[in-house]
Amino acid sequence: MKTFLKFTGGLALGAAIGAGLYLLFTKDDEAGVIRDIKESFNRAIEEGKRAAEERRMQLEAELGFSTDDEPPALAAAQPQPQLPSQPATPSQL
């Protein structure tokens, strides 16, 4: 857990430093910077969706079924045998 927190803190610090440097050295106005960030974020999301769909299709081909198919019907529940209410004593075993 400690390693994860260090990693997350480092990631956040790196993102903050990167954003600060970008804002310092860019010639765009604030609205342009926000628009660029939104576009980059949306491209990353779309790429992630595309990669997930590709992987889903690969797994469906490997496993031989599609997630779009109807799930198989569950078999009717079989009654379970009743267990004794009292635990067995060593003489009964």
Protein backbone atom coordinates (compact mmCIF):
# COMPACT_ATOMS: atom_id res chain seq x y z
CA MET A 1 0.00 0.00 0.00
CA LYS A 2 2.86 2.35 0.82
CA THR A 3 4.39 1.78 -2.63
CA PHE A 4 1.06 2.51 -4.31
CA LEU A 5 0.72 5.79 -2.41
CA LYS A 6 4.25 6.80 -3.40
CA PHE A 7 3.51 5.95 -7.04
CA THR A 8 0.22 7.90 -6.99
CA GLY A 9 1.87 10.88 -5.33
CA GLY A 10 4.68 10.85 -7.87
CA LEU A 11 2.20 10.61 -10.72
CA ALA A 12 0.20 13.56 -9.38
CA LEU A 13 3.35 15.61 -8.81
CA GLY A 14 4.60 14.85 -12.31
CA ALA A 15 1.24 15.80 -13.82
CA ALA A 16 1.20 19.08 -11.88
CA ILE A 17 4.75 19.96 -12.92
CA GLY A 18 4.01 19.06 -16.53
CA ALA A 19 0.84 21.15 -16.57
CA GLY A 20 2.65 24.07 -14.98
CA LEU A 21 5.46 23.96 -17.53
CA TYR A 22 2.96 23.67 -20.36
CA LEU A 23 1.10 26.73 -19.12
CA LEU A 24 4.36 28.69 -18.72
CA PHE A 25 5.76 27.96 -22.14
CA THR A 26 2.67 27.87 -24.32
CA LYS A 27 1.60 30.83 -26.36
CA ASP A 28 -2.10 29.82 -26.29
CA ASP A 29 -4.61 31.58 -24.13
CA GLU A 30 -6.24 29.78 -21.23
CA ALA A 31 -9.27 28.63 -23.27
CA GLY A 32 -6.97 27.12 -25.90
CA VAL A 33 -5.01 25.21 -23.28
CA ILE A 34 -8.18 23.80 -21.75
CA ARG A 35 -9.46 22.83 -25.21
CA ASP A 36 -6.16 21.05 -25.98
CA ILE A 37 -6.31 19.14 -22.69
CA LYS A 38 -9.92 18.09 -23.33
CA GLU A 39 -9.05 16.94 -26.85
CA SER A 40 -6.09 14.91 -25.58
CA PHE A 41 -8.23 13.35 -22.87
CA ASN A 42 -11.00 12.47 -25.34
CA ARG A 43 -8.46 10.92 -27.76
CA ALA A 44 -7.05 8.80 -24.92
CA ILE A 45 -10.55 7.65 -23.92
CA GLU A 46 -11.43 6.73 -27.52
CA GLU A 47 -8.15 4.84 -27.93
CA GLY A 48 -8.85 2.93 -24.72
CA LYS A 49 -12.35 2.02 -25.91
CA ARG A 50 -10.98 0.88 -29.26
CA ALA A 51 -8.31 -1.27 -27.59
CA ALA A 52 -10.90 -2.80 -25.22
CA GLU A 53 -13.20 -3.66 -28.13
CA GLU A 54 -10.29 -5.21 -30.04
CA ARG A 55 -9.32 -7.32 -27.03
CA ARG A 56 -12.95 -8.37 -26.46
CA MET A 57 -13.18 -9.60 -30.05
CA GLN A 58 -9.90 -11.53 -29.66
CA LEU A 59 -11.11 -13.23 -26.48
CA GLU A 60 -14.48 -14.07 -28.04
CA ALA A 61 -12.68 -15.68 -30.97
CA GLU A 62 -10.45 -17.68 -28.61
CA LEU A 63 -13.32 -18.81 -26.37
CA GLY A 64 -15.77 -19.43 -29.21
CA PHE A 65 -18.69 -17.32 -28.00
CA SER A 66 -19.89 -13.76 -28.05
CA THR A 67 -20.97 -11.58 -25.16
CA ASP A 68 -23.88 -10.51 -27.38
CA ASP A 69 -25.32 -14.07 -27.30
CA GLU A 70 -28.08 -14.97 -24.89
CA PRO A 71 -26.71 -16.58 -21.72
CA PRO A 72 -27.57 -20.26 -21.33
CA ALA A 73 -30.60 -20.97 -19.18
CA LEU A 74 -29.77 -22.06 -15.68
CA ALA A 75 -30.76 -25.60 -14.77
CA ALA A 76 -33.60 -25.94 -12.31
CA ALA A 77 -32.37 -25.87 -8.76
CA GLN A 78 -31.98 -29.36 -7.33
CA PRO A 79 -33.11 -29.80 -3.72
CA GLN A 80 -30.21 -30.26 -1.35
CA PRO A 81 -30.30 -33.20 1.09
CA GLN A 82 -31.04 -32.21 4.66
CA LEU A 83 -28.05 -32.32 6.96
CA PRO A 84 -28.46 -33.59 10.52
CA SER A 85 -29.14 -30.80 12.97
CA GLN A 86 -26.84 -32.31 15.61
CA PRO A 87 -23.13 -32.83 14.90
CA ALA A 88 -22.01 -36.46 14.81
CA THR A 89 -20.31 -37.81 17.90
CA PRO A 90 -17.16 -39.93 17.59
CA SER A 91 -19.16 -43.08 18.37
CA GLN A 92 -21.49 -42.39 15.42
CA LEU A 93 -18.59 -42.13 12.96
